[in-house]
Amino acid sequence: MSRNTRRYIDKNNLGDPKVDDNDPNFTPTEAPCGSRAKVEVMAKRHALGLPLYHPGDSTEHISIDDKIKEMLEAFRNRLAQTNGSQKSTAPAPLSPSSLGELKLPQIPTQV
C-alpha cells in the first residue's frame, strides 16, 4: 500500500474495523493476489464489514499467464452458457469487452 493511500485512510478514519479473533467469517485465504477467488473473498469481507486483508492471507501473486488462462476459461464458460451449454473446442476470439469488467468501489474525492 502506498504511503499516500495510508495517509488518506488514516486522515479519513477509514482504517480496518476491529475483528473478533474467533469470527468464522474472517479466516485467511490461500487464493493468490490478483485472482478472481481473492477478489471474491475480499468482496465478501467488505459486504460483511470486515477488513479486506487478513494477516494470514497468501502473499503469492498470480502470474500473468495464469491470469490470462483464468480469464479465457471464464470467457469460454460464459460462451458455453449462452450457446446452450455447448463447450467450444476452438479458442474463441478475445476482446476486452468480452472478458467482463472488474467493478471497484468508488473512493470519495473530497479532500
Protein backbone atom coordinates (compact mmCIF):
# COMPACT_ATOMS: atom_id res chain seq x y z
CA MET A 1 0.00 0.00 0.00
CA SER A 2 1.39 3.39 -0.93
CA ARG A 3 2.23 6.00 1.66
CA ASN A 4 -0.36 8.39 0.20
CA THR A 5 -3.08 5.74 0.38
CA ARG A 6 -2.18 5.02 4.01
CA ARG A 7 -2.31 8.75 4.83
CA TYR A 8 -5.73 9.09 3.18
CA ILE A 9 -7.06 6.11 5.14
CA ASP A 10 -5.69 7.45 8.42
CA LYS A 11 -6.84 11.04 7.77
CA ASN A 12 -10.40 9.98 6.98
CA ASN A 13 -10.64 7.33 9.69
CA LEU A 14 -11.19 4.58 7.13
CA GLY A 15 -8.99 2.04 8.86
CA ASP A 16 -9.94 -1.59 9.21
CA PRO A 17 -12.57 -2.36 11.82
CA LYS A 18 -11.59 -4.43 14.82
CA VAL A 19 -12.46 -8.09 14.41
CA ASP A 20 -13.00 -10.82 16.97
CA ASP A 21 -10.28 -13.46 16.54
CA ASN A 22 -12.96 -16.16 16.70
CA ASP A 23 -15.11 -14.69 13.90
CA PRO A 24 -15.73 -17.60 11.47
CA ASN A 25 -16.20 -15.17 8.56
CA PHE A 26 -12.69 -13.74 8.92
CA THR A 27 -10.28 -16.52 8.02
CA PRO A 28 -7.16 -16.43 5.83
CA THR A 29 -7.35 -17.44 2.18
CA GLU A 30 -4.83 -19.29 0.05
CA ALA A 31 -6.11 -17.57 -3.11
CA PRO A 32 -3.25 -15.77 -4.85
CA CYS A 33 -3.27 -11.99 -5.08
CA GLY A 34 -4.97 -10.81 -8.25
CA SER A 35 -7.02 -13.95 -8.73
CA ARG A 36 -10.79 -13.94 -9.15
CA ALA A 37 -11.06 -16.08 -5.99
CA LYS A 38 -9.15 -13.46 -3.95
CA VAL A 39 -11.36 -10.65 -5.27
CA GLU A 40 -14.46 -12.66 -4.35
CA VAL A 41 -13.12 -13.24 -0.81
CA MET A 42 -12.38 -9.53 -0.45
CA ALA A 43 -15.84 -8.58 -1.74
CA LYS A 44 -17.44 -10.92 0.81
CA ARG A 45 -15.34 -9.42 3.60
CA HIS A 46 -16.32 -5.91 2.51
CA ALA A 47 -20.02 -6.85 2.44
CA LEU A 48 -19.71 -8.19 5.99
CA GLY A 49 -17.91 -5.07 7.21
CA LEU A 50 -14.67 -6.96 7.79
CA PRO A 51 -11.13 -5.85 6.93
CA LEU A 52 -10.25 -6.68 3.33
CA TYR A 53 -6.91 -8.24 4.23
CA HIS A 54 -6.24 -10.96 6.77
CA PRO A 55 -2.69 -11.21 8.18
CA GLY A 56 -2.64 -14.89 7.19
CA ASP A 57 -3.70 -14.36 3.55
CA SER A 58 -1.46 -15.76 0.85
CA THR A 59 1.07 -13.22 -0.43
CA GLU A 60 1.81 -15.10 -3.66
CA HIS A 61 0.78 -13.31 -6.82
CA ILE A 62 -0.89 -14.91 -9.79
CA SER A 63 1.32 -14.87 -12.88
CA ILE A 64 0.11 -13.06 -15.96
CA ASP A 65 -0.05 -16.40 -17.81
CA ASP A 66 -2.28 -17.85 -15.10
CA LYS A 67 -4.44 -14.70 -15.15
CA ILE A 68 -4.91 -14.97 -18.93
CA LYS A 69 -5.80 -18.67 -18.60
CA GLU A 70 -8.30 -17.84 -15.84
CA MET A 71 -9.92 -15.11 -17.93
CA LEU A 72 -10.03 -17.33 -21.02
CA GLU A 73 -11.67 -20.14 -19.06
CA ALA A 74 -14.26 -17.73 -17.63
CA PHE A 75 -14.95 -16.45 -21.14
CA ARG A 76 -15.35 -19.96 -22.53
CA ASN A 77 -17.69 -20.90 -19.69
CA ARG A 78 -19.79 -17.80 -20.33
CA LEU A 79 -19.84 -18.56 -24.05
CA ALA A 80 -20.92 -22.15 -23.37
CA GLN A 81 -23.79 -20.91 -21.19
CA THR A 82 -25.03 -18.59 -23.92
CA ASN A 83 -24.75 -21.30 -26.59
CA GLY A 84 -26.95 -23.83 -24.86
CA SER A 85 -24.18 -25.38 -22.74
CA GLN A 86 -22.11 -26.47 -25.75
CA LYS A 87 -18.39 -26.38 -25.00
CA SER A 88 -16.34 -24.61 -27.64
CA THR A 89 -13.45 -26.74 -28.91
CA ALA A 90 -11.73 -23.94 -30.80
CA PRO A 91 -10.34 -20.97 -28.91
CA ALA A 92 -12.81 -18.12 -29.09
CA PRO A 93 -11.54 -14.71 -30.18
CA LEU A 94 -10.96 -12.40 -27.25
CA SER A 95 -11.80 -8.77 -26.80
CA PRO A 96 -11.63 -6.65 -23.64
CA SER A 97 -15.40 -6.21 -23.59
CA SER A 98 -16.00 -9.98 -23.77
CA LEU A 99 -13.98 -10.71 -20.65
CA GLY A 100 -16.18 -8.75 -18.28
CA GLU A 101 -15.36 -5.80 -16.12
CA LEU A 102 -13.92 -5.64 -12.62
CA LYS A 103 -16.02 -3.23 -10.61
CA LEU A 104 -14.14 -1.50 -7.82
CA PRO A 105 -15.69 0.68 -5.13
CA GLN A 106 -15.51 4.42 -5.76
CA ILE A 107 -13.19 6.40 -3.49
CA PRO A 108 -14.59 9.74 -2.30
CA THR A 109 -12.88 12.69 -3.99
CA GLN A 110 -13.36 15.15 -1.13
CA VAL A 111 -10.13 16.43 0.38
